Amino acid sequence: MKKNPVIPFAIIAVLGIVGMIILSGVGVNQMDEVRGEGENGGTEEQSEGGETVDADPESIFQNTCSSCHGADLAGTGAAPSLQEVGSKYSASEIEDIINNGKEGGMPAGLVEPEQATKIAEWLAEKK
């Protein structure tokens, strides 16, 4: 008595298709939830160009700058500490550095100008 070798492959194929359908449905639901978070007053606001901009300078820093400057502003080997940057630079000087970069590793244009202003004002308070 020989077993039909096609049946195990058919079962695997059917299970795979059912799994893909289930995962697609879950993904669509999650996409709707993510869209809803942005529309329901998250920490974002619209810039003049229609792009969303984080309203909280601390969250902008955590998302953009903390990988080099550290989550606690203590700096890393790649970037200096920003814990007392306000005693060294004014808010406008910090904003200029954020927008235009600085020789030695600080790249220019990592954030939008509106975000740079918010971050600069926040960092200028660190004395």
N, C-alpha and C. Protein backbone atom coordinates (compact mmCIF):
# COMPACT_ATOMS: atom_id res chain seq x y z
N MET A 1 0.82 -1.16 0.00
CA MET A 1 0.00 0.00 0.00
C MET A 1 0.88 1.25 0.00
N LYS A 2 0.77 2.09 -1.03
CA LYS A 2 1.56 3.31 -1.15
C LYS A 2 0.72 4.50 -0.71
N LYS A 3 1.39 5.41 0.00
CA LYS A 3 0.71 6.64 0.39
C LYS A 3 0.86 7.66 -0.73
N ASN A 4 -0.12 8.51 -0.88
CA ASN A 4 -0.08 9.54 -1.91
C ASN A 4 0.81 10.69 -1.43
N PRO A 5 1.95 10.96 -2.11
CA PRO A 5 2.88 11.99 -1.64
C PRO A 5 2.35 13.41 -1.87
N VAL A 6 1.29 13.60 -2.62
CA VAL A 6 0.77 14.93 -2.91
C VAL A 6 -0.02 15.48 -1.73
N ILE A 7 -0.63 14.62 -0.94
CA ILE A 7 -1.50 15.07 0.15
C ILE A 7 -0.74 15.92 1.18
N PRO A 8 0.43 15.54 1.67
CA PRO A 8 1.12 16.42 2.64
C PRO A 8 1.43 17.80 2.06
N PHE A 9 1.82 17.85 0.78
CA PHE A 9 2.12 19.14 0.15
C PHE A 9 0.86 19.98 0.01
N ALA A 10 -0.27 19.34 -0.29
CA ALA A 10 -1.53 20.06 -0.42
C ALA A 10 -1.95 20.63 0.93
N ILE A 11 -1.77 19.85 1.99
CA ILE A 11 -2.13 20.33 3.33
C ILE A 11 -1.26 21.54 3.71
N ILE A 12 0.04 21.45 3.44
CA ILE A 12 0.95 22.56 3.75
C ILE A 12 0.56 23.80 2.93
N ALA A 13 0.22 23.62 1.68
CA ALA A 13 -0.16 24.75 0.83
C ALA A 13 -1.44 25.41 1.35
N VAL A 14 -2.42 24.62 1.72
CA VAL A 14 -3.68 25.17 2.23
C VAL A 14 -3.44 25.91 3.54
N LEU A 15 -2.65 25.32 4.43
CA LEU A 15 -2.34 25.99 5.70
C LEU A 15 -1.58 27.29 5.46
N GLY A 16 -0.68 27.31 4.50
CA GLY A 16 0.06 28.52 4.17
C GLY A 16 -0.84 29.62 3.65
N ILE A 17 -1.77 29.26 2.79
CA ILE A 17 -2.71 30.25 2.24
C ILE A 17 -3.60 30.80 3.33
N VAL A 18 -4.12 29.92 4.20
CA VAL A 18 -4.96 30.38 5.31
C VAL A 18 -4.16 31.29 6.24
N GLY A 19 -2.92 30.94 6.51
CA GLY A 19 -2.06 31.78 7.36
C GLY A 19 -1.83 33.15 6.75
N MET A 20 -1.61 33.21 5.45
CA MET A 20 -1.40 34.50 4.79
C MET A 20 -2.65 35.37 4.86
N ILE A 21 -3.82 34.75 4.70
CA ILE A 21 -5.07 35.50 4.79
C ILE A 21 -5.25 36.07 6.19
N ILE A 22 -4.96 35.28 7.20
CA ILE A 22 -5.10 35.74 8.59
C ILE A 22 -4.12 36.88 8.87
N LEU A 23 -2.86 36.73 8.47
CA LEU A 23 -1.87 37.77 8.71
C LEU A 23 -2.20 39.05 7.95
N SER A 24 -2.75 38.94 6.77
CA SER A 24 -3.15 40.13 6.01
C SER A 24 -4.26 40.87 6.73
N GLY A 25 -5.23 40.14 7.25
CA GLY A 25 -6.32 40.78 8.00
C GLY A 25 -5.81 41.48 9.24
N VAL A 26 -4.89 40.87 9.95
CA VAL A 26 -4.30 41.49 11.14
C VAL A 26 -3.54 42.75 10.75
N GLY A 27 -2.78 42.69 9.66
CA GLY A 27 -2.01 43.85 9.20
C GLY A 27 -2.88 45.02 8.81
N VAL A 28 -4.00 44.75 8.15
CA VAL A 28 -4.92 45.82 7.76
C VAL A 28 -5.49 46.49 9.00
N ASN A 29 -5.87 45.71 10.00
CA ASN A 29 -6.39 46.27 11.24
C ASN A 29 -5.35 47.13 11.95
N GLN A 30 -4.11 46.68 11.98
CA GLN A 30 -3.06 47.46 12.62
C GLN A 30 -2.79 48.74 11.86
N MET A 31 -2.85 48.71 10.54
CA MET A 31 -2.63 49.91 9.75
C MET A 31 -3.70 50.95 10.06
N ASP A 32 -4.94 50.52 10.21
CA ASP A 32 -6.02 51.44 10.56
C ASP A 32 -5.79 52.05 11.94
N GLU A 33 -5.30 51.27 12.90
CA GLU A 33 -5.03 51.77 14.23
C GLU A 33 -3.91 52.81 14.21
N VAL A 34 -2.87 52.55 13.44
CA VAL A 34 -1.75 53.49 13.34
C VAL A 34 -2.22 54.80 12.73
N ARG A 35 -3.02 54.73 11.69
CA ARG A 35 -3.57 55.96 11.10
C ARG A 35 -4.42 56.71 12.10
N GLY A 36 -5.20 56.00 12.88
CA GLY A 36 -6.07 56.63 13.86
C GLY A 36 -5.29 57.34 14.95
N GLU A 37 -4.14 56.83 15.35
CA GLU A 37 -3.33 57.47 16.37
C GLU A 37 -2.86 58.83 15.91
N GLY A 38 -2.44 58.94 14.66
CA GLY A 38 -1.98 60.22 14.14
C GLY A 38 -3.10 61.23 14.03
N GLU A 39 -4.32 60.77 13.75
CA GLU A 39 -5.45 61.67 13.58
C GLU A 39 -6.07 62.08 14.91
N ASN A 40 -5.86 61.30 15.95
CA ASN A 40 -6.54 61.55 17.22
C ASN A 40 -5.65 62.25 18.24
N GLY A 41 -4.88 63.22 17.80
CA GLY A 41 -4.14 64.07 18.73
C GLY A 41 -2.93 63.42 19.34
N GLY A 42 -2.13 62.73 18.56
CA GLY A 42 -0.86 62.22 19.05
C GLY A 42 0.06 63.40 19.30
N THR A 43 1.34 63.19 19.38
CA THR A 43 2.28 64.27 19.63
C THR A 43 2.80 64.84 18.32
N GLU A 44 1.91 65.01 17.36
CA GLU A 44 2.31 65.56 16.08
C GLU A 44 1.44 66.75 15.74
N GLU A 45 2.00 67.67 14.95
CA GLU A 45 1.22 68.77 14.43
C GLU A 45 1.62 68.98 12.98
N GLN A 46 0.81 69.69 12.24
CA GLN A 46 1.09 69.90 10.82
C GLN A 46 2.02 71.07 10.65
N SER A 47 3.05 70.91 9.80
CA SER A 47 3.90 72.03 9.45
C SER A 47 3.29 72.75 8.26
N GLU A 48 3.91 73.85 7.84
CA GLU A 48 3.37 74.63 6.73
C GLU A 48 3.33 73.81 5.44
N GLY A 49 4.28 72.90 5.25
CA GLY A 49 4.32 72.09 4.05
C GLY A 49 3.37 70.92 4.07
N GLY A 50 2.59 70.77 5.15
CA GLY A 50 1.64 69.68 5.24
C GLY A 50 2.24 68.41 5.83
N GLU A 51 3.52 68.46 6.25
CA GLU A 51 4.15 67.29 6.83
C GLU A 51 3.85 67.29 8.33
N THR A 52 3.89 66.12 8.94
CA THR A 52 3.67 66.07 10.37
C THR A 52 4.99 66.31 11.09
N VAL A 53 4.92 67.07 12.17
CA VAL A 53 6.09 67.44 12.94
C VAL A 53 5.80 67.11 14.39
N ASP A 54 6.73 66.44 15.07
CA ASP A 54 6.54 66.15 16.48
C ASP A 54 6.46 67.45 17.26
N ALA A 55 5.55 67.53 18.21
CA ALA A 55 5.37 68.75 18.98
C ALA A 55 6.31 68.79 20.17
N ASP A 56 6.72 67.67 20.69
CA ASP A 56 7.52 67.59 21.90
C ASP A 56 9.01 67.53 21.54
N PRO A 57 9.82 68.52 21.94
CA PRO A 57 11.24 68.51 21.57
C PRO A 57 11.99 67.31 22.15
N GLU A 58 11.56 66.85 23.30
CA GLU A 58 12.22 65.69 23.91
C GLU A 58 12.02 64.43 23.07
N SER A 59 10.81 64.25 22.53
CA SER A 59 10.57 63.07 21.69
C SER A 59 11.29 63.20 20.35
N ILE A 60 11.39 64.43 19.82
CA ILE A 60 12.15 64.63 18.59
C ILE A 60 13.61 64.23 18.84
N PHE A 61 14.15 64.69 19.97
CA PHE A 61 15.54 64.36 20.32
C PHE A 61 15.72 62.85 20.44
N GLN A 62 14.80 62.19 21.14
CA GLN A 62 14.92 60.74 21.34
C GLN A 62 14.88 60.00 20.01
N ASN A 63 14.06 60.45 19.08
CA ASN A 63 13.92 59.78 17.79
C ASN A 63 15.06 60.07 16.84
N THR A 64 15.68 61.23 16.96
CA THR A 64 16.65 61.66 15.95
C THR A 64 18.08 61.75 16.47
N CYS A 65 18.25 62.23 17.68
CA CYS A 65 19.58 62.61 18.15
C CYS A 65 20.17 61.67 19.20
N SER A 66 19.33 60.94 19.90
CA SER A 66 19.81 60.16 21.04
C SER A 66 20.74 59.01 20.64
N SER A 67 20.67 58.58 19.41
CA SER A 67 21.56 57.48 19.00
C SER A 67 23.03 57.91 19.05
N CYS A 68 23.29 59.19 18.86
CA CYS A 68 24.67 59.69 18.94
C CYS A 68 24.95 60.39 20.27
N HIS A 69 24.00 61.20 20.74
CA HIS A 69 24.22 62.01 21.94
C HIS A 69 23.77 61.31 23.21
N GLY A 70 23.16 60.14 23.11
CA GLY A 70 22.71 59.39 24.28
C GLY A 70 21.34 59.82 24.74
N ALA A 71 20.58 58.88 25.25
CA ALA A 71 19.21 59.16 25.69
C ALA A 71 19.19 60.12 26.87
N ASP A 72 20.26 60.13 27.67
CA ASP A 72 20.34 61.01 28.83
C ASP A 72 21.19 62.25 28.56
N LEU A 73 21.49 62.53 27.30
CA LEU A 73 22.28 63.67 26.85
C LEU A 73 23.75 63.59 27.26
N ALA A 74 24.18 62.44 27.78
CA ALA A 74 25.54 62.31 28.29
C ALA A 74 26.58 62.17 27.18
N GLY A 75 26.13 61.96 25.96
CA GLY A 75 27.07 61.80 24.86
C GLY A 75 27.55 60.36 24.75
N THR A 76 28.17 60.09 23.62
CA THR A 76 28.76 58.78 23.37
C THR A 76 30.13 59.03 22.77
N GLY A 77 30.78 58.00 22.33
CA GLY A 77 32.07 58.19 21.66
C GLY A 77 31.91 58.94 20.35
N ALA A 78 30.72 58.88 19.75
CA ALA A 78 30.49 59.51 18.45
C ALA A 78 30.11 60.98 18.57
N ALA A 79 29.56 61.40 19.71
CA ALA A 79 29.07 62.77 19.84
C ALA A 79 29.26 63.26 21.28
N PRO A 80 29.38 64.58 21.45
CA PRO A 80 29.62 65.11 22.79
C PRO A 80 28.37 65.14 23.67
N SER A 81 28.60 65.36 24.95
CA SER A 81 27.51 65.50 25.91
C SER A 81 26.76 66.80 25.65
N LEU A 82 25.46 66.77 25.84
CA LEU A 82 24.63 67.96 25.70
C LEU A 82 23.97 68.34 27.02
N GLN A 83 24.45 67.77 28.11
CA GLN A 83 23.82 68.01 29.40
C GLN A 83 23.93 69.46 29.86
N GLU A 84 24.99 70.16 29.46
CA GLU A 84 25.17 71.56 29.84
C GLU A 84 25.42 72.43 28.62
N VAL A 85 24.84 72.05 27.49
CA VAL A 85 25.08 72.77 26.24
C VAL A 85 24.53 74.19 26.29
N GLY A 86 23.50 74.44 27.10
CA GLY A 86 22.92 75.77 27.21
C GLY A 86 23.86 76.78 27.84
N SER A 87 24.83 76.34 28.62
CA SER A 87 25.80 77.27 29.21
C SER A 87 26.91 77.63 28.22
N LYS A 88 27.01 76.87 27.14
CA LYS A 88 28.06 77.12 26.14
C LYS A 88 27.52 77.85 24.91
N TYR A 89 26.27 77.51 24.51
CA TYR A 89 25.67 78.09 23.31
C TYR A 89 24.30 78.66 23.61
N SER A 90 23.90 79.68 22.85
CA SER A 90 22.55 80.23 22.96
C SER A 90 21.61 79.36 22.12
N ALA A 91 20.31 79.60 22.25
CA ALA A 91 19.33 78.83 21.48
C ALA A 91 19.54 79.03 19.98
N SER A 92 19.84 80.25 19.55
CA SER A 92 20.05 80.49 18.11
C SER A 92 21.31 79.81 17.60
N GLU A 93 22.35 79.76 18.43
CA GLU A 93 23.58 79.06 18.02
C GLU A 93 23.34 77.55 17.93
N ILE A 94 22.59 77.01 18.88
CA ILE A 94 22.28 75.58 18.84
C ILE A 94 21.44 75.27 17.61
N GLU A 95 20.47 76.13 17.32
CA GLU A 95 19.63 75.94 16.14
C GLU A 95 20.47 75.97 14.86
N ASP A 96 21.45 76.89 14.80
CA ASP A 96 22.33 76.98 13.64
C ASP A 96 23.14 75.69 13.48
N ILE A 97 23.63 75.15 14.58
CA ILE A 97 24.40 73.89 14.52
C ILE A 97 23.51 72.74 14.04
N ILE A 98 22.28 72.69 14.55
CA ILE A 98 21.36 71.61 14.14
C ILE A 98 21.04 71.72 12.66
N ASN A 99 20.77 72.93 12.18
CA ASN A 99 20.39 73.12 10.78
C ASN A 99 21.56 72.98 9.81
N ASN A 100 22.73 73.48 10.19
CA ASN A 100 23.87 73.54 9.27
C ASN A 100 24.97 72.54 9.57
N GLY A 101 24.87 71.84 10.68
CA GLY A 101 25.89 70.87 11.04
C GLY A 101 27.11 71.56 11.63
N LYS A 102 28.09 70.75 11.96
CA LYS A 102 29.32 71.26 12.55
C LYS A 102 30.45 70.36 12.13
N GLU A 103 31.59 70.96 11.83
CA GLU A 103 32.75 70.15 11.45
C GLU A 103 33.08 69.17 12.55
N GLY A 104 33.47 68.00 12.16
CA GLY A 104 33.84 66.99 13.13
C GLY A 104 32.78 65.93 13.35
N GLY A 105 31.69 65.99 12.57
CA GLY A 105 30.76 64.88 12.66
C GLY A 105 29.29 65.20 12.75
N MET A 106 28.91 66.42 13.15
CA MET A 106 27.48 66.73 13.25
C MET A 106 26.95 67.02 11.86
N PRO A 107 26.09 66.11 11.32
CA PRO A 107 25.54 66.33 9.98
C PRO A 107 24.44 67.39 10.00
N ALA A 108 24.26 68.02 8.88
CA ALA A 108 23.23 69.06 8.76
C ALA A 108 21.91 68.45 8.32
N GLY A 109 20.82 69.13 8.67
CA GLY A 109 19.51 68.78 8.15
C GLY A 109 18.91 67.47 8.62
N LEU A 110 19.20 67.04 9.82
CA LEU A 110 18.60 65.81 10.32
C LEU A 110 17.13 65.97 10.68
N VAL A 111 16.74 67.21 10.99
CA VAL A 111 15.34 67.49 11.34
C VAL A 111 14.86 68.69 10.54
N GLU A 112 13.56 68.87 10.52
CA GLU A 112 12.96 70.03 9.85
C GLU A 112 13.32 71.30 10.62
N PRO A 113 13.32 72.46 9.97
CA PRO A 113 13.66 73.71 10.66
C PRO A 113 12.77 73.99 11.88
N GLU A 114 11.46 73.67 11.79
CA GLU A 114 10.58 73.89 12.93
C GLU A 114 10.99 73.01 14.11
N GLN A 115 11.37 71.78 13.80
CA GLN A 115 11.82 70.86 14.85
C GLN A 115 13.14 71.34 15.43
N ALA A 116 14.03 71.85 14.60
CA ALA A 116 15.32 72.35 15.06
C ALA A 116 15.13 73.49 16.05
N THR A 117 14.18 74.36 15.79
CA THR A 117 13.90 75.48 16.70
C THR A 117 13.45 74.96 18.06
N LYS A 118 12.56 73.99 18.05
CA LYS A 118 12.05 73.43 19.31
C LYS A 118 13.16 72.73 20.09
N ILE A 119 13.97 71.94 19.39
CA ILE A 119 15.07 71.24 20.06
C ILE A 119 16.07 72.25 20.62
N ALA A 120 16.39 73.28 19.84
CA ALA A 120 17.37 74.28 20.28
C ALA A 120 16.90 75.00 21.54
N GLU A 121 15.64 75.38 21.57
CA GLU A 121 15.10 76.05 22.76
C GLU A 121 15.15 75.12 23.98
N TRP A 122 14.83 73.86 23.75
CA TRP A 122 14.86 72.87 24.83
C TRP A 122 16.28 72.64 25.33
N LEU A 123 17.23 72.51 24.40
CA LEU A 123 18.63 72.28 24.80
C LEU A 123 19.25 73.51 25.44
N ALA A 124 18.83 74.71 25.04
CA ALA A 124 19.38 75.94 25.62
C ALA A 124 19.06 76.05 27.11
N GLU A 125 18.04 75.36 27.56
CA GLU A 125 17.69 75.34 29.00
C GLU A 125 18.60 74.43 29.80
N LYS A 126 19.37 73.60 29.13
CA LYS A 126 20.26 72.64 29.81
C LYS A 126 21.55 73.37 30.19
N LYS A 127 21.64 73.78 31.46
CA LYS A 127 22.81 74.53 31.92
C LYS A 127 23.42 73.89 33.13
